N, C-alpha and C. Protein backbone atom coordinates (compact mmCIF):
# COMPACT_ATOMS: atom_id res chain seq x y z
N MET A 1 0.84 -1.18 0.00
CA MET A 1 0.00 0.00 0.00
C MET A 1 0.89 1.24 0.00
N ASN A 2 0.32 2.32 -0.49
CA ASN A 2 1.05 3.58 -0.44
C ASN A 2 0.17 4.65 0.20
N ASN A 3 0.77 5.78 0.51
CA ASN A 3 0.04 6.83 1.21
C ASN A 3 -1.16 7.34 0.44
N VAL A 4 -1.04 7.45 -0.89
CA VAL A 4 -2.15 7.94 -1.70
C VAL A 4 -3.30 6.95 -1.66
N ALA A 5 -3.00 5.67 -1.80
CA ALA A 5 -4.05 4.65 -1.75
C ALA A 5 -4.69 4.61 -0.37
N ASP A 6 -3.88 4.71 0.67
CA ASP A 6 -4.41 4.71 2.03
C ASP A 6 -5.32 5.91 2.27
N ALA A 7 -4.90 7.08 1.81
CA ALA A 7 -5.71 8.29 1.98
C ALA A 7 -7.02 8.16 1.20
N HIS A 8 -6.96 7.62 0.01
CA HIS A 8 -8.17 7.44 -0.79
C HIS A 8 -9.13 6.48 -0.08
N ASP A 9 -8.60 5.38 0.42
CA ASP A 9 -9.43 4.41 1.15
C ASP A 9 -10.06 5.05 2.39
N ALA A 10 -9.27 5.83 3.12
CA ALA A 10 -9.77 6.48 4.33
C ALA A 10 -10.91 7.45 4.01
N LEU A 11 -10.73 8.25 2.96
CA LEU A 11 -11.78 9.20 2.58
C LEU A 11 -13.04 8.48 2.11
N TYR A 12 -12.84 7.40 1.36
CA TYR A 12 -13.98 6.62 0.86
C TYR A 12 -14.79 6.05 2.03
N ILE A 13 -14.11 5.43 2.99
CA ILE A 13 -14.80 4.85 4.15
C ILE A 13 -15.46 5.93 4.98
N SER A 14 -14.78 7.06 5.14
CA SER A 14 -15.36 8.17 5.88
C SER A 14 -16.66 8.63 5.23
N LYS A 15 -16.66 8.73 3.91
CA LYS A 15 -17.87 9.15 3.20
C LYS A 15 -19.00 8.13 3.36
N LEU A 16 -18.65 6.86 3.49
CA LEU A 16 -19.67 5.83 3.73
C LEU A 16 -20.29 5.96 5.13
N LEU A 17 -19.47 6.34 6.10
CA LEU A 17 -19.94 6.45 7.49
C LEU A 17 -20.71 7.74 7.77
N GLN A 18 -20.42 8.79 7.04
CA GLN A 18 -21.03 10.09 7.33
C GLN A 18 -22.56 10.06 7.34
N PRO A 19 -23.22 9.39 6.40
CA PRO A 19 -24.70 9.36 6.48
C PRO A 19 -25.22 8.67 7.74
N LYS A 20 -24.47 7.73 8.26
CA LYS A 20 -24.89 7.04 9.50
C LYS A 20 -24.84 7.97 10.70
N LEU A 21 -23.92 8.94 10.69
CA LEU A 21 -23.75 9.86 11.80
C LEU A 21 -24.62 11.12 11.65
N ARG A 22 -24.95 11.45 10.40
CA ARG A 22 -25.68 12.69 10.12
C ARG A 22 -27.00 12.74 10.89
N GLY A 23 -27.22 13.85 11.53
CA GLY A 23 -28.47 14.08 12.24
C GLY A 23 -28.53 13.51 13.65
N LEU A 24 -27.49 12.82 14.09
CA LEU A 24 -27.51 12.24 15.43
C LEU A 24 -27.21 13.28 16.51
N GLY A 25 -26.55 14.35 16.15
CA GLY A 25 -26.20 15.38 17.13
C GLY A 25 -24.88 15.07 17.79
N PRO A 26 -24.22 16.11 18.29
CA PRO A 26 -22.90 15.95 18.87
C PRO A 26 -22.88 15.08 20.12
N ASN A 27 -24.00 15.02 20.86
CA ASN A 27 -24.02 14.20 22.08
C ASN A 27 -24.00 12.71 21.76
N VAL A 28 -24.30 12.33 20.53
CA VAL A 28 -24.22 10.93 20.11
C VAL A 28 -23.01 10.72 19.20
N GLN A 29 -22.78 11.64 18.27
CA GLN A 29 -21.64 11.52 17.36
C GLN A 29 -20.32 11.48 18.12
N GLY A 30 -20.16 12.36 19.10
CA GLY A 30 -18.91 12.44 19.85
C GLY A 30 -18.52 11.12 20.50
N PRO A 31 -19.43 10.49 21.26
CA PRO A 31 -19.08 9.21 21.88
C PRO A 31 -18.80 8.10 20.85
N ILE A 32 -19.52 8.12 19.73
CA ILE A 32 -19.25 7.11 18.69
C ILE A 32 -17.83 7.28 18.17
N LEU A 33 -17.48 8.51 17.82
CA LEU A 33 -16.14 8.76 17.30
C LEU A 33 -15.07 8.51 18.36
N ALA A 34 -15.34 8.88 19.60
CA ALA A 34 -14.38 8.62 20.69
C ALA A 34 -14.15 7.13 20.86
N ASP A 35 -15.21 6.33 20.74
CA ASP A 35 -15.07 4.89 20.86
C ASP A 35 -14.18 4.33 19.75
N LEU A 36 -14.42 4.77 18.52
CA LEU A 36 -13.61 4.29 17.40
C LEU A 36 -12.15 4.70 17.55
N VAL A 37 -11.92 5.94 17.95
CA VAL A 37 -10.55 6.42 18.12
C VAL A 37 -9.86 5.69 19.28
N SER A 38 -10.60 5.42 20.35
CA SER A 38 -9.99 4.70 21.48
C SER A 38 -9.58 3.28 21.09
N ILE A 39 -10.36 2.66 20.23
CA ILE A 39 -10.00 1.32 19.72
C ILE A 39 -8.69 1.41 18.95
N PHE A 40 -8.59 2.44 18.12
CA PHE A 40 -7.37 2.65 17.33
C PHE A 40 -6.15 2.80 18.24
N PHE A 41 -6.25 3.68 19.23
CA PHE A 41 -5.10 3.95 20.09
C PHE A 41 -4.81 2.84 21.08
N ALA A 42 -5.77 2.01 21.38
CA ALA A 42 -5.52 0.86 22.26
C ALA A 42 -4.50 -0.09 21.64
N GLY A 43 -4.36 -0.04 20.32
CA GLY A 43 -3.40 -0.90 19.64
C GLY A 43 -1.95 -0.43 19.73
N PHE A 44 -1.73 0.77 20.25
CA PHE A 44 -0.38 1.31 20.37
C PHE A 44 0.22 0.94 21.72
N HIS A 45 1.49 0.63 21.72
CA HIS A 45 2.21 0.38 22.97
C HIS A 45 2.25 1.67 23.78
N ASP A 46 2.21 1.53 25.09
CA ASP A 46 2.22 2.69 26.00
C ASP A 46 3.36 3.67 25.70
N ASP A 47 4.51 3.13 25.29
CA ASP A 47 5.69 3.97 25.05
C ASP A 47 5.50 4.95 23.89
N VAL A 48 4.62 4.63 22.95
CA VAL A 48 4.45 5.48 21.77
C VAL A 48 3.04 6.04 21.64
N ARG A 49 2.16 5.64 22.53
CA ARG A 49 0.75 6.05 22.41
C ARG A 49 0.57 7.56 22.43
N GLU A 50 1.20 8.26 23.38
CA GLU A 50 1.02 9.71 23.48
C GLU A 50 1.52 10.42 22.23
N GLU A 51 2.63 9.97 21.70
CA GLU A 51 3.16 10.57 20.46
C GLU A 51 2.19 10.32 19.30
N ALA A 52 1.63 9.13 19.23
CA ALA A 52 0.66 8.82 18.18
C ALA A 52 -0.60 9.68 18.31
N ILE A 53 -1.03 9.90 19.54
CA ILE A 53 -2.21 10.75 19.77
C ILE A 53 -1.93 12.18 19.30
N GLU A 54 -0.75 12.70 19.62
CA GLU A 54 -0.40 14.06 19.20
C GLU A 54 -0.37 14.17 17.67
N GLU A 55 0.21 13.18 17.01
CA GLU A 55 0.26 13.19 15.54
C GLU A 55 -1.16 13.11 14.96
N TRP A 56 -2.00 12.28 15.57
CA TRP A 56 -3.38 12.14 15.10
C TRP A 56 -4.14 13.45 15.29
N MET A 57 -3.90 14.12 16.41
CA MET A 57 -4.55 15.41 16.67
C MET A 57 -4.17 16.44 15.61
N GLN A 58 -2.90 16.47 15.23
CA GLN A 58 -2.46 17.40 14.18
C GLN A 58 -3.17 17.09 12.86
N CYS A 59 -3.26 15.82 12.53
CA CYS A 59 -3.94 15.40 11.31
C CYS A 59 -5.41 15.80 11.36
N MET A 60 -6.07 15.52 12.47
CA MET A 60 -7.49 15.84 12.62
C MET A 60 -7.73 17.33 12.51
N ARG A 61 -6.86 18.14 13.13
CA ARG A 61 -7.02 19.59 13.06
C ARG A 61 -6.88 20.09 11.62
N ALA A 62 -5.95 19.53 10.87
CA ALA A 62 -5.79 19.90 9.46
C ALA A 62 -7.03 19.50 8.66
N MET A 63 -7.61 18.38 9.00
CA MET A 63 -8.79 17.91 8.26
C MET A 63 -10.02 18.76 8.56
N ILE A 64 -10.04 19.45 9.70
CA ILE A 64 -11.14 20.37 9.99
C ILE A 64 -11.20 21.45 8.92
N LEU A 65 -10.04 21.97 8.53
CA LEU A 65 -9.99 23.00 7.49
C LEU A 65 -10.55 22.48 6.17
N ILE A 66 -10.21 21.25 5.84
CA ILE A 66 -10.72 20.64 4.60
C ILE A 66 -12.23 20.47 4.70
N SER A 67 -12.71 20.00 5.82
CA SER A 67 -14.15 19.79 6.00
C SER A 67 -14.92 21.10 5.94
N GLU A 68 -14.37 22.15 6.53
CA GLU A 68 -15.02 23.46 6.47
C GLU A 68 -15.07 23.98 5.04
N ALA A 69 -13.98 23.82 4.31
CA ALA A 69 -13.94 24.26 2.91
C ALA A 69 -14.95 23.48 2.07
N GLU A 70 -15.04 22.19 2.33
CA GLU A 70 -16.00 21.36 1.60
C GLU A 70 -17.43 21.82 1.90
N LYS A 71 -17.72 22.06 3.16
CA LYS A 71 -19.05 22.50 3.58
C LYS A 71 -19.46 23.81 2.93
N CYS A 72 -18.48 24.69 2.73
CA CYS A 72 -18.74 26.00 2.13
C CYS A 72 -18.75 25.94 0.61
N GLY A 73 -18.51 24.76 0.04
CA GLY A 73 -18.55 24.60 -1.41
C GLY A 73 -17.26 24.95 -2.13
N TYR A 74 -16.18 25.13 -1.37
CA TYR A 74 -14.91 25.49 -2.00
C TYR A 74 -14.21 24.28 -2.63
N LEU A 75 -14.62 23.10 -2.27
CA LEU A 75 -13.96 21.87 -2.80
C LEU A 75 -14.97 21.08 -3.62
N LYS A 76 -15.37 21.62 -4.74
CA LYS A 76 -16.40 20.98 -5.55
C LYS A 76 -15.98 19.61 -6.07
N ASP A 77 -14.68 19.39 -6.27
CA ASP A 77 -14.19 18.12 -6.80
C ASP A 77 -13.77 17.14 -5.71
N TYR A 78 -13.99 17.52 -4.46
CA TYR A 78 -13.66 16.65 -3.33
C TYR A 78 -14.55 15.41 -3.40
N PRO A 79 -14.03 14.21 -3.14
CA PRO A 79 -14.85 12.99 -3.24
C PRO A 79 -16.09 13.06 -2.37
N LYS A 80 -17.19 12.67 -2.92
CA LYS A 80 -18.46 12.66 -2.19
C LYS A 80 -18.72 11.30 -1.58
């Protein structure tokens, strides 16, 4: 696998999950996402978990900008 293929797969799966979360509200969406993320980080050894969380947080923060741009219609060619 390569980074481009991994990113494409991640975006594709994310787009599949979004309709399932839509309309649930933050009080339900938040715990669902927290559960999924906790499963992901449970797989990291304690020695590297905090570093992995920090890297993930940076990635997530960058993706907020992409999501906002998409919502505003600035990314018309962004995968649906």
